């Protein structure tokens, strides 16, 4: 089953045990993949549910055979607040999806140069969907509309999740150290928000505003990372720590 093609379908396409395909989906399955009646694939709704499905003789519909369970999601929800870089956002969206992010919020910071168009947002959402299908996720990350930093802090703050601000290198605690402590002390935590800056980093005023709403400034190491490298480094650490902690907890339950 792991090798079957995956396809994201909208919830409104699903009725009882059938899925109604859109014309582009019919073309993709029938003409691009050359699937025929009875051939199987995995349909996902992008919100954590997936089904083994089979094409019917009527190419416009699909029969749902059974739900599937997949251990491909992180044990904690991760929101990435990313000050928009000058370029490279396509790759960040794709790779952040592969690393398990649930939500990406583009941030218009004081040093942001890029002001994306609605077409850019649509493109990033399509990239996230394609990446989710490729890496066998059941959740397609949501790419939100750009928000000013002050506006974002009113929504994404310590009242709702554990919050880390990736600031400059130096005397700050390393994100890895904070995550390891947090995974032990906050066993019931269900969400993390991680914020990374654009070229030039965050201003002092932006850092102070984040601290005021509960963000912990952290370092990603002794080297200066590019704006498109920092979020991927942070997400890799988050995935590693919390997946490892989840596996350890599972192993302890089996041993008990």
Protein backbone atom coordinates (compact mmCIF):
# COMPACT_ATOMS: atom_id res chain seq x y z
CA UNK A 1 0.00 0.00 0.00
CA UNK A 2 2.91 2.33 0.66
CA UNK A 3 3.71 2.38 -3.06
CA UNK A 4 0.23 3.36 -4.21
CA UNK A 5 -0.31 6.78 -5.73
CA UNK A 6 -1.85 9.35 -3.38
CA UNK A 7 -4.39 11.97 -4.37
CA UNK A 8 -5.84 14.82 -2.33
CA UNK A 9 -9.62 15.20 -2.63
CA UNK A 10 -11.84 17.88 -1.17
CA UNK A 11 -14.26 16.80 1.60
CA UNK A 12 -17.24 17.80 -0.54
CA UNK A 13 -16.18 15.25 -3.17
CA UNK A 14 -16.81 12.41 -0.71
CA UNK A 15 -20.32 11.00 -0.34
CA UNK A 16 -20.96 7.71 1.46
CA UNK A 17 -18.58 5.19 -0.13
CA UNK A 18 -17.88 7.13 -3.29
CA UNK A 19 -15.63 9.97 -4.39
CA UNK A 20 -16.55 12.13 -7.35
CA UNK A 21 -13.45 13.12 -9.29
CA UNK A 22 -12.86 16.50 -10.85
CA UNK A 23 -11.95 16.65 -14.54
CA UNK A 24 -8.25 17.36 -13.78
CA UNK A 25 -8.20 14.39 -11.37
CA UNK A 26 -9.79 12.14 -13.99
CA UNK A 27 -7.16 13.24 -16.49
CA UNK A 28 -4.34 12.69 -14.01
CA UNK A 29 -5.41 9.21 -12.93
CA UNK A 30 -6.55 7.99 -16.34
CA UNK A 31 -4.25 9.71 -18.83
CA UNK A 32 -1.11 10.53 -16.82
CA UNK A 33 -0.96 7.50 -14.49
CA UNK A 34 -2.90 5.28 -16.91
CA UNK A 35 -4.98 3.68 -14.16
CA UNK A 36 -7.93 1.57 -15.23
CA UNK A 37 -11.15 0.32 -13.63
CA UNK A 38 -10.33 -1.62 -10.47
CA UNK A 39 -6.88 -0.07 -10.05
CA UNK A 40 -6.25 1.18 -6.53
CA UNK A 41 -4.80 4.34 -5.07
CA UNK A 42 -5.00 6.26 -1.79
CA UNK A 43 -7.33 9.22 -1.45
CA UNK A 44 -6.66 11.74 1.32
CA UNK A 45 -8.71 14.73 2.42
CA UNK A 46 -5.72 16.73 3.66
CA UNK A 47 -7.09 16.91 7.22
CA UNK A 48 -5.76 13.61 8.57
CA UNK A 49 -8.01 11.03 6.90
CA UNK A 50 -7.20 8.64 4.07
CA UNK A 51 -8.84 5.75 2.26
CA UNK A 52 -7.85 2.92 0.01
CA UNK A 53 -9.89 3.55 -3.13
CA UNK A 54 -10.44 1.94 -6.52
CA UNK A 55 -11.43 3.39 -9.87
CA UNK A 56 -14.82 2.32 -11.19
CA UNK A 57 -15.89 1.72 -14.77
CA UNK A 58 -17.35 5.22 -14.64
CA UNK A 59 -14.13 7.26 -14.76
CA UNK A 60 -15.75 10.14 -12.89
CA UNK A 61 -16.21 8.19 -9.65
CA UNK A 62 -14.10 6.18 -7.23
CA UNK A 63 -15.17 3.50 -4.76
CA UNK A 64 -13.89 3.80 -1.19
CA UNK A 65 -12.71 0.37 -0.02
CA UNK A 66 -11.46 1.00 3.52
CA UNK A 67 -9.91 3.70 5.71
CA UNK A 68 -6.16 3.66 6.16
CA UNK A 69 -4.01 4.38 9.18
CA UNK A 70 -0.64 6.04 8.64
CA UNK A 71 1.99 7.00 11.21
CA UNK A 72 3.39 9.79 9.09
CA UNK A 73 2.32 12.81 11.13
CA UNK A 74 4.30 14.37 13.96
CA UNK A 75 2.99 13.78 17.50
CA UNK A 76 2.75 17.55 17.96
CA UNK A 77 1.20 20.23 15.74
CA UNK A 78 3.78 22.65 14.32
CA UNK A 79 3.10 26.14 12.99
CA UNK A 80 5.90 27.94 11.14
CA UNK A 81 5.88 31.73 11.17
CA UNK A 82 8.37 32.64 8.48
CA UNK A 83 9.39 36.17 7.58
CA UNK A 84 9.32 36.07 3.80
CA UNK A 85 12.75 35.72 2.15
CA UNK A 86 13.69 37.42 -1.11
CA UNK A 87 13.50 34.08 -2.91
CA UNK A 88 13.42 30.34 -2.30
CA UNK A 89 9.98 30.15 -0.68
CA UNK A 90 8.86 27.37 -3.05
CA UNK A 91 11.57 25.05 -1.71
CA UNK A 92 10.84 25.97 1.90
CA UNK A 93 7.14 25.12 1.49
CA UNK A 94 7.98 21.79 -0.14
CA UNK A 95 10.61 20.74 2.39
CA UNK A 96 8.71 22.03 5.42
CA UNK A 97 5.79 19.86 4.30
CA UNK A 98 8.11 16.86 4.10
CA UNK A 99 9.31 17.62 7.65
CA UNK A 100 5.78 17.56 9.05
CA UNK A 101 4.70 21.18 9.45
CA UNK A 102 0.93 21.72 9.82
CA UNK A 103 0.71 25.39 8.97
CA UNK A 104 2.89 28.07 7.37
CA UNK A 105 2.19 31.73 8.08
CA UNK A 106 4.19 34.11 5.85
CA UNK A 107 5.25 37.12 7.91
CA UNK A 108 5.73 40.68 6.69
CA UNK A 109 8.50 41.80 9.02
CA UNK A 110 10.32 45.13 9.15
CA UNK A 111 13.01 43.77 6.81
CA UNK A 112 10.74 41.83 4.45
CA UNK A 113 11.19 42.76 0.81
CA UNK A 114 8.88 40.26 -0.90
CA UNK A 115 5.15 41.05 -1.04
CA UNK A 116 3.54 37.93 -2.52
CA UNK A 117 0.55 38.06 -4.85
CA UNK A 118 -2.55 35.86 -4.45
CA UNK A 119 -1.16 33.79 -7.33
CA UNK A 120 1.97 33.09 -5.27
CA UNK A 121 -0.15 31.88 -2.36
CA UNK A 122 -2.09 29.56 -4.65
CA UNK A 123 1.19 28.22 -6.02
CA UNK A 124 2.55 27.57 -2.51
CA UNK A 125 -0.63 25.73 -1.54
CA UNK A 126 -0.35 23.52 -4.63
CA UNK A 127 3.29 22.80 -3.78
CA UNK A 128 2.28 21.81 -0.24
CA UNK A 129 -0.38 19.47 -1.62
CA UNK A 130 2.01 17.81 -4.05
CA UNK A 131 4.64 17.42 -1.33
CA UNK A 132 2.10 15.89 1.07
CA UNK A 133 1.09 13.35 -1.57
CA UNK A 134 4.73 12.52 -2.32
CA UNK A 135 5.82 12.01 1.29
CA UNK A 136 2.70 10.00 2.23
CA UNK A 137 1.17 12.46 4.67
CA UNK A 138 -2.55 12.62 5.45
CA UNK A 139 -2.42 16.34 6.28
CA UNK A 140 -1.79 19.06 3.72
CA UNK A 141 -0.25 22.10 5.45
CA UNK A 142 -2.28 25.27 5.26
CA UNK A 143 -0.50 28.25 3.69
CA UNK A 144 -2.09 31.31 5.25
CA UNK A 145 -2.23 34.82 3.86
CA UNK A 146 0.72 37.02 4.86
CA UNK A 147 0.40 38.74 8.23
CA UNK A 148 2.23 41.66 9.80
CA UNK A 149 4.39 40.58 12.73
CA UNK A 150 2.32 42.44 15.33
CA UNK A 151 -0.89 40.97 13.94
CA UNK A 152 0.55 37.45 13.94
CA UNK A 153 1.68 37.73 17.57
CA UNK A 154 -1.91 38.39 18.64
CA UNK A 155 -2.88 34.98 17.26
CA UNK A 156 0.23 32.84 17.59
CA UNK A 157 1.42 33.29 21.16
CA UNK A 158 2.16 31.34 24.33
CA UNK A 159 -1.51 31.16 25.31
CA UNK A 160 -2.03 28.58 22.58
CA UNK A 161 1.31 26.81 22.10
CA UNK A 162 4.96 26.55 23.04
CA UNK A 163 6.61 29.41 21.15
CA UNK A 164 10.22 29.76 20.01
CA UNK A 165 11.79 32.67 18.15
CA UNK A 166 14.90 31.80 16.17
CA UNK A 167 17.06 34.84 16.80
CA UNK A 168 20.71 35.44 16.00
CA UNK A 169 23.56 33.23 17.13
CA UNK A 170 25.28 33.97 20.42
CA UNK A 171 24.35 33.61 24.04
CA UNK A 172 20.83 32.33 23.39
CA UNK A 173 19.99 28.76 24.40
CA UNK A 174 20.12 26.32 21.51
CA UNK A 175 16.73 25.25 20.16
CA UNK A 176 17.67 21.59 20.57
CA UNK A 177 18.34 22.05 24.30
CA UNK A 178 15.01 23.84 24.78
CA UNK A 179 13.12 21.18 22.84
CA UNK A 180 14.62 18.34 24.83
CA UNK A 181 13.69 20.02 28.10
CA UNK A 182 10.26 20.94 26.79
CA UNK A 183 9.50 17.43 25.58
CA UNK A 184 10.15 16.12 29.10
CA UNK A 185 8.47 18.88 31.08
CA UNK A 186 5.50 19.42 28.76
CA UNK A 187 4.40 15.88 28.03
CA UNK A 188 0.85 17.08 27.38
CA UNK A 189 1.85 19.87 24.97
CA UNK A 190 0.02 19.58 21.68
CA UNK A 191 1.41 22.47 19.64
CA UNK A 192 4.61 24.35 18.87
CA UNK A 193 5.02 27.66 17.07
CA UNK A 194 8.44 28.41 15.60
CA UNK A 195 9.33 31.79 14.08
CA UNK A 196 12.24 32.50 11.73
CA UNK A 197 13.37 35.80 10.24
CA UNK A 198 14.19 36.95 6.73
CA UNK A 199 17.53 38.27 5.45
CA UNK A 200 19.00 40.45 8.19
CA UNK A 201 17.01 38.73 10.92
CA UNK A 202 14.52 40.21 13.36
CA UNK A 203 14.85 43.75 14.65
CA UNK A 204 15.26 44.33 18.37
CA UNK A 205 11.73 45.73 18.51
CA UNK A 206 10.35 42.59 16.86
CA UNK A 207 12.24 40.37 19.30
CA UNK A 208 10.97 42.35 22.28
CA UNK A 209 7.39 42.15 20.98
CA UNK A 210 7.68 38.36 20.67
CA UNK A 211 9.15 37.97 24.15
CA UNK A 212 6.26 40.04 25.55
CA UNK A 213 3.75 37.43 24.35
CA UNK A 214 5.69 34.41 25.55
CA UNK A 215 8.23 33.55 22.87
CA UNK A 216 11.58 32.14 23.97
CA UNK A 217 14.45 33.42 21.80
CA UNK A 218 16.69 30.54 20.74
CA UNK A 219 19.79 29.92 18.64
CA UNK A 220 20.25 27.45 15.79
CA UNK A 221 24.01 27.24 16.30
CA UNK A 222 27.24 29.14 15.88
CA UNK A 223 26.90 29.72 12.13
CA UNK A 224 24.75 32.27 10.33
CA UNK A 225 22.02 30.42 8.42
CA UNK A 226 20.28 31.70 5.32
CA UNK A 227 16.66 32.73 5.68
CA UNK A 228 15.60 29.62 3.75
CA UNK A 229 17.86 27.29 5.76
CA UNK A 230 16.84 28.35 9.28
CA UNK A 231 13.21 27.12 9.17
CA UNK A 232 14.27 23.72 7.82
CA UNK A 233 16.96 23.36 10.49
CA UNK A 234 14.40 24.23 13.19
CA UNK A 235 11.75 21.86 11.83
CA UNK A 236 14.27 19.03 11.58
CA UNK A 237 15.12 19.44 15.27
CA UNK A 238 11.44 19.54 16.26
CA UNK A 239 10.64 16.39 14.27
CA UNK A 240 13.64 14.54 15.64
CA UNK A 241 13.00 15.38 19.29
CA UNK A 242 9.27 14.75 19.38
CA UNK A 243 9.26 11.65 17.18
CA UNK A 244 12.03 10.20 19.33
CA UNK A 245 10.13 11.05 22.51
CA UNK A 246 6.97 9.50 21.09
CA UNK A 247 8.79 6.29 20.15
CA UNK A 248 10.34 6.09 23.63
CA UNK A 249 6.96 6.53 25.29
CA UNK A 250 5.47 3.84 23.06
CA UNK A 251 8.34 1.49 23.88
CA UNK A 252 7.88 2.11 27.61
CA UNK A 253 4.17 1.28 27.36
CA UNK A 254 4.94 -1.99 25.60
CA UNK A 255 7.58 -2.81 28.19
CA UNK A 256 5.19 -2.01 31.03
